[in-house]
Amino acid sequence: MIKDISSLDEITSFASQKPVVVVFHAPWCGTCSMYHFTLTKFDMHDPSVVILKVNLADHHEIGNHFKVLSTPSVMIYHSEFNYTLLPGPQPIGIIKRYL
């Protein structure tokens, strides 16, 4: 499931149910648009993982909280204090390694 979110609470809510991958993106980012196809493929092959997308143009405070410096960035989220932030569009294999 790929879901757009708008608050930190949504991240923690989903993380209590399943492993969570958070992708920080922006509407003007061409790489982000292309990366969506990789996320869709990942979502189709592994429905046990929740993929959340944060639009940094609209919700920069979430990006600031996690110190996101580039788009896209991928975060493997376990808890508010236990996460891995990876800059750039990450291959599915790398994401699975951190889950």
PDB file of N, CA and C in Angstrom:
ATOM      1  N   MET A   1       0.842  -1.170   0.000  1.00  0.00           N
ATOM      2  CA  MET A   1       0.000   0.000   0.000  1.00  0.00           C
ATOM      3  C   MET A   1       0.896   1.244   0.000  1.00  0.00           C
ATOM      4  N   ILE A   2       0.703   2.121  -0.947  1.00  0.00           N
ATOM      5  CA  ILE A   2       1.407   3.409  -0.990  1.00  0.00           C
ATOM      6  C   ILE A   2       0.407   4.473  -0.591  1.00  0.00           C
ATOM      7  N   LYS A   3       0.764   5.234   0.445  1.00  0.00           N
ATOM      8  CA  LYS A   3      -0.177   6.220   0.976  1.00  0.00           C
ATOM      9  C   LYS A   3       0.530   7.554   1.184  1.00  0.00           C
ATOM     10  N   ASP A   4      -0.099   8.627   0.741  1.00  0.00           N
ATOM     11  CA  ASP A   4       0.394   9.975   1.027  1.00  0.00           C
ATOM     12  C   ASP A   4      -0.014  10.350   2.447  1.00  0.00           C
ATOM     13  N   ILE A   5       0.924  10.917   3.194  1.00  0.00           N
ATOM     14  CA  ILE A   5       0.621  11.291   4.577  1.00  0.00           C
ATOM     15  C   ILE A   5       0.946  12.759   4.806  1.00  0.00           C
ATOM     16  N   SER A   6       0.424  13.275   5.918  1.00  0.00           N
ATOM     17  CA  SER A   6       0.608  14.698   6.216  1.00  0.00           C
ATOM     18  C   SER A   6       1.002  14.971   7.661  1.00  0.00           C
ATOM     19  N   SER A   7       1.284  13.908   8.459  1.00  0.00           N
ATOM     20  CA  SER A   7       1.667  14.148   9.849  1.00  0.00           C
ATOM     21  C   SER A   7       2.583  13.045  10.378  1.00  0.00           C
ATOM     22  N   LEU A   8       3.345  13.387  11.406  1.00  0.00           N
ATOM     23  CA  LEU A   8       4.199  12.395  12.066  1.00  0.00           C
ATOM     24  C   LEU A   8       3.379  11.280  12.705  1.00  0.00           C
ATOM     25  N   ASP A   9       2.222  11.631  13.213  1.00  0.00           N
ATOM     26  CA  ASP A   9       1.370  10.633  13.866  1.00  0.00           C
ATOM     27  C   ASP A   9       0.988   9.503  12.924  1.00  0.00           C
ATOM     28  N   GLU A  10       0.798   9.818  11.653  1.00  0.00           N
ATOM     29  CA  GLU A  10       0.448   8.780  10.686  1.00  0.00           C
ATOM     30  C   GLU A  10       1.591   7.782  10.515  1.00  0.00           C
ATOM     31  N   ILE A  11       2.816   8.272  10.551  1.00  0.00           N
ATOM     32  CA  ILE A  11       3.965   7.373  10.429  1.00  0.00           C
ATOM     33  C   ILE A  11       3.991   6.397  11.597  1.00  0.00           C
ATOM     34  N   THR A  12       3.874   6.904  12.808  1.00  0.00           N
ATOM     35  CA  THR A  12       3.934   6.029  13.984  1.00  0.00           C
ATOM     36  C   THR A  12       2.742   5.078  14.027  1.00  0.00           C
ATOM     37  N   SER A  13       1.599   5.523  13.565  1.00  0.00           N
ATOM     38  CA  SER A  13       0.415   4.664  13.535  1.00  0.00           C
ATOM     39  C   SER A  13       0.628   3.463  12.615  1.00  0.00           C
ATOM     40  N   PHE A  14       1.142   3.709  11.425  1.00  0.00           N
ATOM     41  CA  PHE A  14       1.393   2.608  10.492  1.00  0.00           C
ATOM     42  C   PHE A  14       2.523   1.718  10.976  1.00  0.00           C
ATOM     43  N   ALA A  15       3.529   2.297  11.615  1.00  0.00           N
ATOM     44  CA  ALA A  15       4.680   1.521  12.085  1.00  0.00           C
ATOM     45  C   ALA A  15       4.305   0.540  13.180  1.00  0.00           C
ATOM     46  N   SER A  16       3.202   0.772  13.870  1.00  0.00           N
ATOM     47  CA  SER A  16       2.773  -0.166  14.904  1.00  0.00           C
ATOM     48  C   SER A  16       2.165  -1.425  14.295  1.00  0.00           C
ATOM     49  N   GLN A  17       1.849  -1.388  12.990  1.00  0.00           N
ATOM     50  CA  GLN A  17       1.196  -2.515  12.334  1.00  0.00           C
ATOM     51  C   GLN A  17       2.127  -3.330  11.440  1.00  0.00           C
ATOM     52  N   LYS A  18       2.980  -2.642  10.667  1.00  0.00           N
ATOM     53  CA  LYS A  18       3.824  -3.293   9.662  1.00  0.00           C
ATOM     54  C   LYS A  18       5.133  -2.525   9.527  1.00  0.00           C
ATOM     55  N   PRO A  19       6.127  -3.135   8.856  1.00  0.00           N
ATOM     56  CA  PRO A  19       7.330  -2.361   8.534  1.00  0.00           C
ATOM     57  C   PRO A  19       6.969  -1.177   7.638  1.00  0.00           C
ATOM     58  N   VAL A  20       7.659  -0.057   7.827  1.00  0.00           N
ATOM     59  CA  VAL A  20       7.313   1.169   7.112  1.00  0.00           C
ATOM     60  C   VAL A  20       8.521   1.723   6.359  1.00  0.00           C
ATOM     61  N   VAL A  21       8.277   2.085   5.109  1.00  0.00           N
ATOM     62  CA  VAL A  21       9.238   2.809   4.293  1.00  0.00           C
ATOM     63  C   VAL A  21       8.602   4.166   4.006  1.00  0.00           C
ATOM     64  N   VAL A  22       9.321   5.236   4.334  1.00  0.00           N
ATOM     65  CA  VAL A  22       8.816   6.584   4.086  1.00  0.00           C
ATOM     66  C   VAL A  22       9.670   7.205   2.980  1.00  0.00           C
ATOM     67  N   VAL A  23       9.002   7.692   1.951  1.00  0.00           N
ATOM     68  CA  VAL A  23       9.698   8.344   0.838  1.00  0.00           C
ATOM     69  C   VAL A  23       9.361   9.831   0.857  1.00  0.00           C
ATOM     70  N   PHE A  24      10.402  10.661   0.954  1.00  0.00           N
ATOM     71  CA  PHE A  24      10.236  12.109   0.935  1.00  0.00           C
ATOM     72  C   PHE A  24      10.420  12.569  -0.503  1.00  0.00           C
ATOM     73  N   HIS A  25       9.443  13.303  -1.025  1.00  0.00           N
ATOM     74  CA  HIS A  25       9.479  13.715  -2.421  1.00  0.00           C
ATOM     75  C   HIS A  25       8.955  15.139  -2.558  1.00  0.00           C
ATOM     76  N   ALA A  26       9.062  15.668  -3.766  1.00  0.00           N
ATOM     77  CA  ALA A  26       8.523  16.994  -4.079  1.00  0.00           C
ATOM     78  C   ALA A  26       7.911  16.926  -5.478  1.00  0.00           C
ATOM     79  N   PRO A  27       6.843  17.683  -5.707  1.00  0.00           N
ATOM     80  CA  PRO A  27       6.165  17.615  -7.001  1.00  0.00           C
ATOM     81  C   PRO A  27       7.022  18.103  -8.172  1.00  0.00           C
ATOM     82  N   TRP A  28       7.992  18.956  -7.925  1.00  0.00           N
ATOM     83  CA  TRP A  28       8.858  19.480  -8.977  1.00  0.00           C
ATOM     84  C   TRP A  28      10.058  18.584  -9.269  1.00  0.00           C
ATOM     85  N   CYS A  29      10.214  17.512  -8.523  1.00  0.00           N
ATOM     86  CA  CYS A  29      11.375  16.621  -8.629  1.00  0.00           C
ATOM     87  C   CYS A  29      11.121  15.528  -9.680  1.00  0.00           C
ATOM     88  N   GLY A  30      11.825  15.608 -10.802  1.00  0.00           N
ATOM     89  CA  GLY A  30      11.665  14.611 -11.861  1.00  0.00           C
ATOM     90  C   GLY A  30      12.095  13.222 -11.430  1.00  0.00           C
ATOM     91  N   THR A  31      13.183  13.124 -10.667  1.00  0.00           N
ATOM     92  CA  THR A  31      13.654  11.834 -10.174  1.00  0.00           C
ATOM     93  C   THR A  31      12.613  11.193  -9.267  1.00  0.00           C
ATOM     94  N   CYS A  32      11.945  12.019  -8.467  1.00  0.00           N
ATOM     95  CA  CYS A  32      10.896  11.513  -7.576  1.00  0.00           C
ATOM     96  C   CYS A  32       9.762  10.889  -8.380  1.00  0.00           C
ATOM     97  N   SER A  33       9.373  11.529  -9.463  1.00  0.00           N
ATOM     98  CA  SER A  33       8.299  11.013 -10.308  1.00  0.00           C
ATOM     99  C   SER A  33       8.680   9.668 -10.909  1.00  0.00           C
ATOM    100  N   MET A  34       9.911   9.554 -11.379  1.00  0.00           N
ATOM    101  CA  MET A  34      10.368   8.281 -11.949  1.00  0.00           C
ATOM    102  C   MET A  34      10.495   7.206 -10.873  1.00  0.00           C
ATOM    103  N   TYR A  35      10.883   7.593  -9.668  1.00  0.00           N
ATOM    104  CA  TYR A  35      11.065   6.639  -8.575  1.00  0.00           C
ATOM    105  C   TYR A  35       9.740   6.009  -8.145  1.00  0.00           C
ATOM    106  N   HIS A  36       8.639   6.691  -8.425  1.00  0.00           N
ATOM    107  CA  HIS A  36       7.327   6.160  -8.079  1.00  0.00           C
ATOM    108  C   HIS A  36       7.095   4.791  -8.716  1.00  0.00           C
ATOM    109  N   PHE A  37       7.615   4.568  -9.918  1.00  0.00           N
ATOM    110  CA  PHE A  37       7.461   3.270 -10.583  1.00  0.00           C
ATOM    111  C   PHE A  37       8.187   2.164  -9.809  1.00  0.00           C
ATOM    112  N   THR A  38       9.356   2.469  -9.264  1.00  0.00           N
ATOM    113  CA  THR A  38      10.087   1.507  -8.438  1.00  0.00           C
ATOM    114  C   THR A  38       9.294   1.178  -7.178  1.00  0.00           C
ATOM    115  N   LEU A  39       8.712   2.198  -6.564  1.00  0.00           N
ATOM    116  CA  LEU A  39       7.912   1.985  -5.353  1.00  0.00           C
ATOM    117  C   LEU A  39       6.679   1.142  -5.651  1.00  0.00           C
ATOM    118  N   THR A  40       6.046   1.394  -6.774  1.00  0.00           N
ATOM    119  CA  THR A  40       4.862   0.624  -7.148  1.00  0.00           C
ATOM    120  C   THR A  40       5.229  -0.844  -7.347  1.00  0.00           C
ATOM    121  N   LYS A  41       6.354  -1.097  -7.991  1.00  0.00           N
ATOM    122  CA  LYS A  41       6.823  -2.471  -8.197  1.00  0.00           C
ATOM    123  C   LYS A  41       7.108  -3.140  -6.856  1.00  0.00           C
ATOM    124  N   PHE A  42       7.773  -2.425  -5.968  1.00  0.00           N
ATOM    125  CA  PHE A  42       8.071  -2.945  -4.636  1.00  0.00           C
ATOM    126  C   PHE A  42       6.779  -3.259  -3.883  1.00  0.00           C
ATOM    127  N   ASP A  43       5.821  -2.356  -3.965  1.00  0.00           N
ATOM    128  CA  ASP A  43       4.534  -2.534  -3.292  1.00  0.00           C
ATOM    129  C   ASP A  43       3.801  -3.766  -3.818  1.00  0.00           C
ATOM    130  N   MET A  44       3.862  -4.010  -5.111  1.00  0.00           N
ATOM    131  CA  MET A  44       3.178  -5.164  -5.702  1.00  0.00           C
ATOM    132  C   MET A  44       3.826  -6.478  -5.269  1.00  0.00           C
ATOM    133  N   HIS A  45       5.147  -6.481  -5.076  1.00  0.00           N
ATOM    134  CA  HIS A  45       5.861  -7.705  -4.736  1.00  0.00           C
ATOM    135  C   HIS A  45       5.950  -7.978  -3.239  1.00  0.00           C
ATOM    136  N   ASP A  46       5.727  -6.962  -2.426  1.00  0.00           N
ATOM    137  CA  ASP A  46       5.829  -7.154  -0.975  1.00  0.00           C
ATOM    138  C   ASP A  46       4.765  -6.337  -0.244  1.00  0.00           C
ATOM    139  N   PRO A  47       3.533  -6.843  -0.206  1.00  0.00           N
ATOM    140  CA  PRO A  47       2.456  -6.103   0.458  1.00  0.00           C
ATOM    141  C   PRO A  47       2.566  -6.079   1.988  1.00  0.00           C
ATOM    142  N   SER A  48       3.569  -6.763   2.544  1.00  0.00           N
ATOM    143  CA  SER A  48       3.735  -6.749   4.001  1.00  0.00           C
ATOM    144  C   SER A  48       4.391  -5.459   4.480  1.00  0.00           C
ATOM    145  N   VAL A  49       4.846  -4.627   3.555  1.00  0.00           N
ATOM    146  CA  VAL A  49       5.500  -3.361   3.891  1.00  0.00           C
ATOM    147  C   VAL A  49       4.584  -2.209   3.499  1.00  0.00           C
ATOM    148  N   VAL A  50       4.455  -1.237   4.390  1.00  0.00           N
ATOM    149  CA  VAL A  50       3.685  -0.034   4.089  1.00  0.00           C
ATOM    150  C   VAL A  50       4.643   1.021   3.547  1.00  0.00           C
ATOM    151  N   ILE A  51       4.292   1.602   2.408  1.00  0.00           N
ATOM    152  CA  ILE A  51       5.094   2.666   1.824  1.00  0.00           C
ATOM    153  C   ILE A  51       4.320   3.972   1.987  1.00  0.00           C
ATOM    154  N   LEU A  52       4.942   4.906   2.679  1.00  0.00           N
ATOM    155  CA  LEU A  52       4.326   6.203   2.922  1.00  0.00           C
ATOM    156  C   LEU A  52       5.105   7.258   2.153  1.00  0.00           C
ATOM    157  N   LYS A  53       4.399   8.218   1.576  1.00  0.00           N
ATOM    158  CA  LYS A  53       5.033   9.305   0.838  1.00  0.00           C
ATOM    159  C   LYS A  53       4.738  10.629   1.529  1.00  0.00           C
ATOM    160  N   VAL A  54       5.780  11.442   1.675  1.00  0.00           N
ATOM    161  CA  VAL A  54       5.642  12.767   2.272  1.00  0.00           C
ATOM    162  C   VAL A  54       6.028  13.802   1.226  1.00  0.00           C
ATOM    163  N   ASN A  55       5.085  14.652   0.863  1.00  0.00           N
ATOM    164  CA  ASN A  55       5.335  15.740  -0.068  1.00  0.00           C
ATOM    165  C   ASN A  55       5.992  16.878   0.723  1.00  0.00           C
ATOM    166  N   LEU A  56       7.282  17.084   0.499  1.00  0.00           N
ATOM    167  CA  LEU A  56       8.011  18.094   1.269  1.00  0.00           C
ATOM    168  C   LEU A  56       7.601  19.518   0.932  1.00  0.00           C
ATOM    169  N   ALA A  57       7.029  19.734  -0.227  1.00  0.00           N
ATOM    170  CA  ALA A  57       6.547  21.072  -0.568  1.00  0.00           C
ATOM    171  C   ALA A  57       5.378  21.473   0.328  1.00  0.00           C
ATOM    172  N   ASP A  58       4.564  20.501   0.708  1.00  0.00           N
ATOM    173  CA  ASP A  58       3.401  20.772   1.559  1.00  0.00           C
ATOM    174  C   ASP A  58       3.651  20.498   3.037  1.00  0.00           C
ATOM    175  N   HIS A  59       4.558  19.582   3.343  1.00  0.00           N
ATOM    176  CA  HIS A  59       4.758  19.144   4.734  1.00  0.00           C
ATOM    177  C   HIS A  59       6.240  19.153   5.106  1.00  0.00           C
ATOM    178  N   HIS A  60       6.867  20.293   4.901  1.00  0.00           N
ATOM    179  CA  HIS A  60       8.300  20.419   5.174  1.00  0.00           C
ATOM    180  C   HIS A  60       8.656  20.181   6.634  1.00  0.00           C
ATOM    181  N   GLU A  61       7.693  20.388   7.538  1.00  0.00           N
ATOM    182  CA  GLU A  61       7.983  20.183   8.963  1.00  0.00           C
ATOM    183  C   GLU A  61       8.319  18.725   9.266  1.00  0.00           C
ATOM    184  N   ILE A  62       7.746  17.790   8.516  1.00  0.00           N
ATOM    185  CA  ILE A  62       8.083  16.364   8.708  1.00  0.00           C
ATOM    186  C   ILE A  62       9.511  16.131   8.236  1.00  0.00           C
ATOM    187  N   GLY A  63       9.857  16.681   7.091  1.00  0.00           N
ATOM    188  CA  GLY A  63      11.230  16.567   6.599  1.00  0.00           C
ATOM    189  C   GLY A  63      12.229  17.203   7.547  1.00  0.00           C
ATOM    190  N   ASN A  64      11.879  18.354   8.103  1.00  0.00           N
ATOM    191  CA  ASN A  64      12.762  19.010   9.074  1.00  0.00           C
ATOM    192  C   ASN A  64      12.956  18.151  10.315  1.00  0.00           C
ATOM    193  N   HIS A  65      11.901  17.499  10.768  1.00  0.00           N
ATOM    194  CA  HIS A  65      11.986  16.645  11.959  1.00  0.00           C
ATOM    195  C   HIS A  65      13.028  15.541  11.773  1.00  0.00           C
ATOM    196  N   PHE A  66      13.063  14.957  10.567  1.00  0.00           N
ATOM    197  CA  PHE A  66      13.995  13.860  10.293  1.00  0.00           C
ATOM    198  C   PHE A  66      15.276  14.329   9.600  1.00  0.00           C
ATOM    199  N   LYS A  67      15.433  15.648   9.445  1.00  0.00           N
ATOM    200  CA  LYS A  67      16.634  16.247   8.849  1.00  0.00           C
ATOM    201  C   LYS A  67      16.864  15.762   7.408  1.00  0.00           C
ATOM    202  N   VAL A  68      15.799  15.757   6.625  1.00  0.00           N
ATOM    203  CA  VAL A  68      15.879  15.374   5.215  1.00  0.00           C
ATOM    204  C   VAL A  68      16.504  16.529   4.439  1.00  0.00           C
ATOM    205  N   LEU A  69      17.550  16.239   3.666  1.00  0.00           N
ATOM    206  CA  LEU A  69      18.269  17.276   2.932  1.00  0.00           C
ATOM    207  C   LEU A  69      18.095  17.188   1.416  1.00  0.00           C
ATOM    208  N   SER A  70      17.576  16.067   0.906  1.00  0.00           N
ATOM    209  CA  SER A  70      17.444  15.932  -0.542  1.00  0.00           C
ATOM    210  C   SER A  70      16.188  15.145  -0.899  1.00  0.00           C
ATOM    211  N   THR A  71      15.740  15.357  -2.138  1.00  0.00           N
ATOM    212  CA  THR A  71      14.606  14.590  -2.648  1.00  0.00           C
ATOM    213  C   THR A  71      15.054  13.834  -3.890  1.00  0.00           C
ATOM    214  N   PRO A  72      14.630  12.612  -4.038  1.00  0.00           N
ATOM    215  CA  PRO A  72      13.919  11.856  -3.024  1.00  0.00           C
ATOM    216  C   PRO A  72      14.884  11.372  -1.944  1.00  0.00           C
ATOM    217  N   SER A  73      14.358  11.084  -0.807  1.00  0.00           N
ATOM    218  CA  SER A  73      15.073  10.403   0.271  1.00  0.00           C
ATOM    219  C   SER A  73      14.181   9.289   0.766  1.00  0.00           C
ATOM    220  N   VAL A  74      14.798   8.198   1.192  1.00  0.00           N
ATOM    221  CA  VAL A  74      14.057   7.026   1.655  1.00  0.00           C
ATOM    222  C   VAL A  74      14.410   6.786   3.118  1.00  0.00           C
ATOM    223  N   MET A  75      13.400   6.610   3.936  1.00  0.00           N
ATOM    224  CA  MET A  75      13.612   6.337   5.352  1.00  0.00           C
ATOM    225  C   MET A  75      12.987   4.989   5.697  1.00  0.00           C
ATOM    226  N   ILE A  76      13.781   4.136   6.323  1.00  0.00           N
ATOM    227  CA  ILE A  76      13.266   2.888   6.873  1.00  0.00           C
ATOM    228  C   ILE A  76      12.979   3.200   8.333  1.00  0.00           C
ATOM    229  N   TYR A  77      11.696   3.166   8.692  1.00  0.00           N
ATOM    230  CA  TYR A  77      11.247   3.657   9.998  1.00  0.00           C
ATOM    231  C   TYR A  77      10.888   2.487  10.905  1.00  0.00           C
ATOM    232  N   HIS A  78      11.507   2.460  12.075  1.00  0.00           N
ATOM    233  CA  HIS A  78      11.164   1.462  13.103  1.00  0.00           C
ATOM    234  C   HIS A  78      10.475   2.141  14.283  1.00  0.00           C
ATOM    235  N   SER A  79      10.984   3.316  14.660  1.00  0.00           N
ATOM    236  CA  SER A  79      10.374   4.134  15.708  1.00  0.00           C
ATOM    237  C   SER A  79      10.909   5.556  15.544  1.00  0.00           C
ATOM    238  N   GLU A  80      10.395   6.479  16.326  1.00  0.00           N
ATOM    239  CA  GLU A  80      10.817   7.871  16.193  1.00  0.00           C
ATOM    240  C   GLU A  80      12.321   8.048  16.403  1.00  0.00           C
ATOM    241  N   PHE A  81      12.912   7.172  17.191  1.00  0.00           N
ATOM    242  CA  PHE A  81      14.331   7.294  17.484  1.00  0.00           C
ATOM    243  C   PHE A  81      15.157   6.187  16.841  1.00  0.00           C
ATOM    244  N   ASN A  82      14.510   5.323  16.054  1.00  0.00           N
ATOM    245  CA  ASN A  82      15.201   4.220  15.399  1.00  0.00           C
ATOM    246  C   ASN A  82      14.767   4.166  13.935  1.00  0.00           C
ATOM    247  N   TYR A  83      15.524   4.858  13.101  1.00  0.00           N
ATOM    248  CA  TYR A  83      15.220   4.871  11.675  1.00  0.00           C
ATOM    249  C   TYR A  83      16.518   5.069  10.911  1.00  0.00           C
ATOM    250  N   THR A  84      16.480   4.706   9.653  1.00  0.00           N
ATOM    251  CA  THR A  84      17.618   4.904   8.765  1.00  0.00           C
ATOM    252  C   THR A  84      17.163   5.780   7.616  1.00  0.00           C
ATOM    253  N   LEU A  85      17.849   6.902   7.407  1.00  0.00           N
ATOM    254  CA  LEU A  85      17.527   7.823   6.330  1.00  0.00           C
ATOM    255  C   LEU A  85      18.588   7.683   5.246  1.00  0.00           C
ATOM    256  N   LEU A  86      18.136   7.333   4.043  1.00  0.00           N
ATOM    257  CA  LEU A  86      19.032   7.128   2.913  1.00  0.00           C
ATOM    258  C   LEU A  86      18.729   8.171   1.840  1.00  0.00           C
ATOM    259  N   PRO A  87      19.702   9.009   1.477  1.00  0.00           N
ATOM    260  CA  PRO A  87      19.437  10.016   0.444  1.00  0.00           C
ATOM    261  C   PRO A  87      19.389   9.378  -0.931  1.00  0.00           C
ATOM    262  N   GLY A  88      18.535   9.920  -1.771  1.00  0.00           N
ATOM    263  CA  GLY A  88      18.451   9.463  -3.146  1.00  0.00           C
ATOM    264  C   GLY A  88      17.470   8.318  -3.335  1.00  0.00           C
ATOM    265  N   PRO A  89      17.189   7.984  -4.597  1.00  0.00           N
ATOM    266  CA  PRO A  89      16.279   6.874  -4.900  1.00  0.00           C
ATOM    267  C   PRO A  89      17.003   5.546  -4.677  1.00  0.00           C
ATOM    268  N   GLN A  90      16.572   4.789  -3.705  1.00  0.00           N
ATOM    269  CA  GLN A  90      17.248   3.556  -3.330  1.00  0.00           C
ATOM    270  C   GLN A  90      16.662   2.346  -4.057  1.00  0.00           C
ATOM    271  N   PRO A  91      17.516   1.427  -4.505  1.00  0.00           N
ATOM    272  CA  PRO A  91      17.008   0.197  -5.117  1.00  0.00           C
ATOM    273  C   PRO A  91      16.253  -0.648  -4.098  1.00  0.00           C
ATOM    274  N   ILE A  92      15.360  -1.464  -4.595  1.00  0.00           N
ATOM    275  CA  ILE A  92      14.541  -2.315  -3.727  1.00  0.00           C
ATOM    276  C   ILE A  92      15.418  -3.193  -2.832  1.00  0.00           C
ATOM    277  N   GLY A  93      16.500  -3.728  -3.375  1.00  0.00           N
ATOM    278  CA  GLY A  93      17.389  -4.592  -2.593  1.00  0.00           C
ATOM    279  C   GLY A  93      17.973  -3.897  -1.380  1.00  0.00           C
ATOM    280  N   ILE A  94      18.342  -2.643  -1.517  1.00  0.00           N
ATOM    281  CA  ILE A  94      18.884  -1.875  -0.387  1.00  0.00           C
ATOM    282  C   ILE A  94      17.808  -1.656   0.663  1.00  0.00           C
ATOM    283  N   ILE A  95      16.614  -1.314   0.219  1.00  0.00           N
ATOM    284  CA  ILE A  95      15.506  -1.098   1.162  1.00  0.00           C
ATOM    285  C   ILE A  95      15.237  -2.376   1.958  1.00  0.00           C
ATOM    286  N   LYS A  96      15.188  -3.501   1.284  1.00  0.00           N
ATOM    287  CA  LYS A  96      14.932  -4.797   1.968  1.00  0.00           C
ATOM    288  C   LYS A  96      16.021  -5.107   2.983  1.00  0.00           C
ATOM    289  N   ARG A  97      17.247  -4.725   2.678  1.00  0.00           N
ATOM    290  CA  ARG A  97      18.363  -4.988   3.592  1.00  0.00           C
ATOM    291  C   ARG A  97      18.153  -4.277   4.933  1.00  0.00           C
ATOM    292  N   TYR A  98      17.572  -3.087   4.899  1.00  0.00           N
ATOM    293  CA  TYR A  98      17.349  -2.313   6.122  1.00  0.00           C
ATOM    294  C   TYR A  98      16.071  -2.682   6.854  1.00  0.00           C
ATOM    295  N   LEU A  99      15.171  -3.367   6.178  1.00  0.00           N
ATOM    296  CA  LEU A  99      13.919  -3.754   6.848  1.00  0.00           C
ATOM    297  C   LEU A  99      14.209  -4.875   7.825  1.00  0.00           C
TER     298      LEU A  99
END
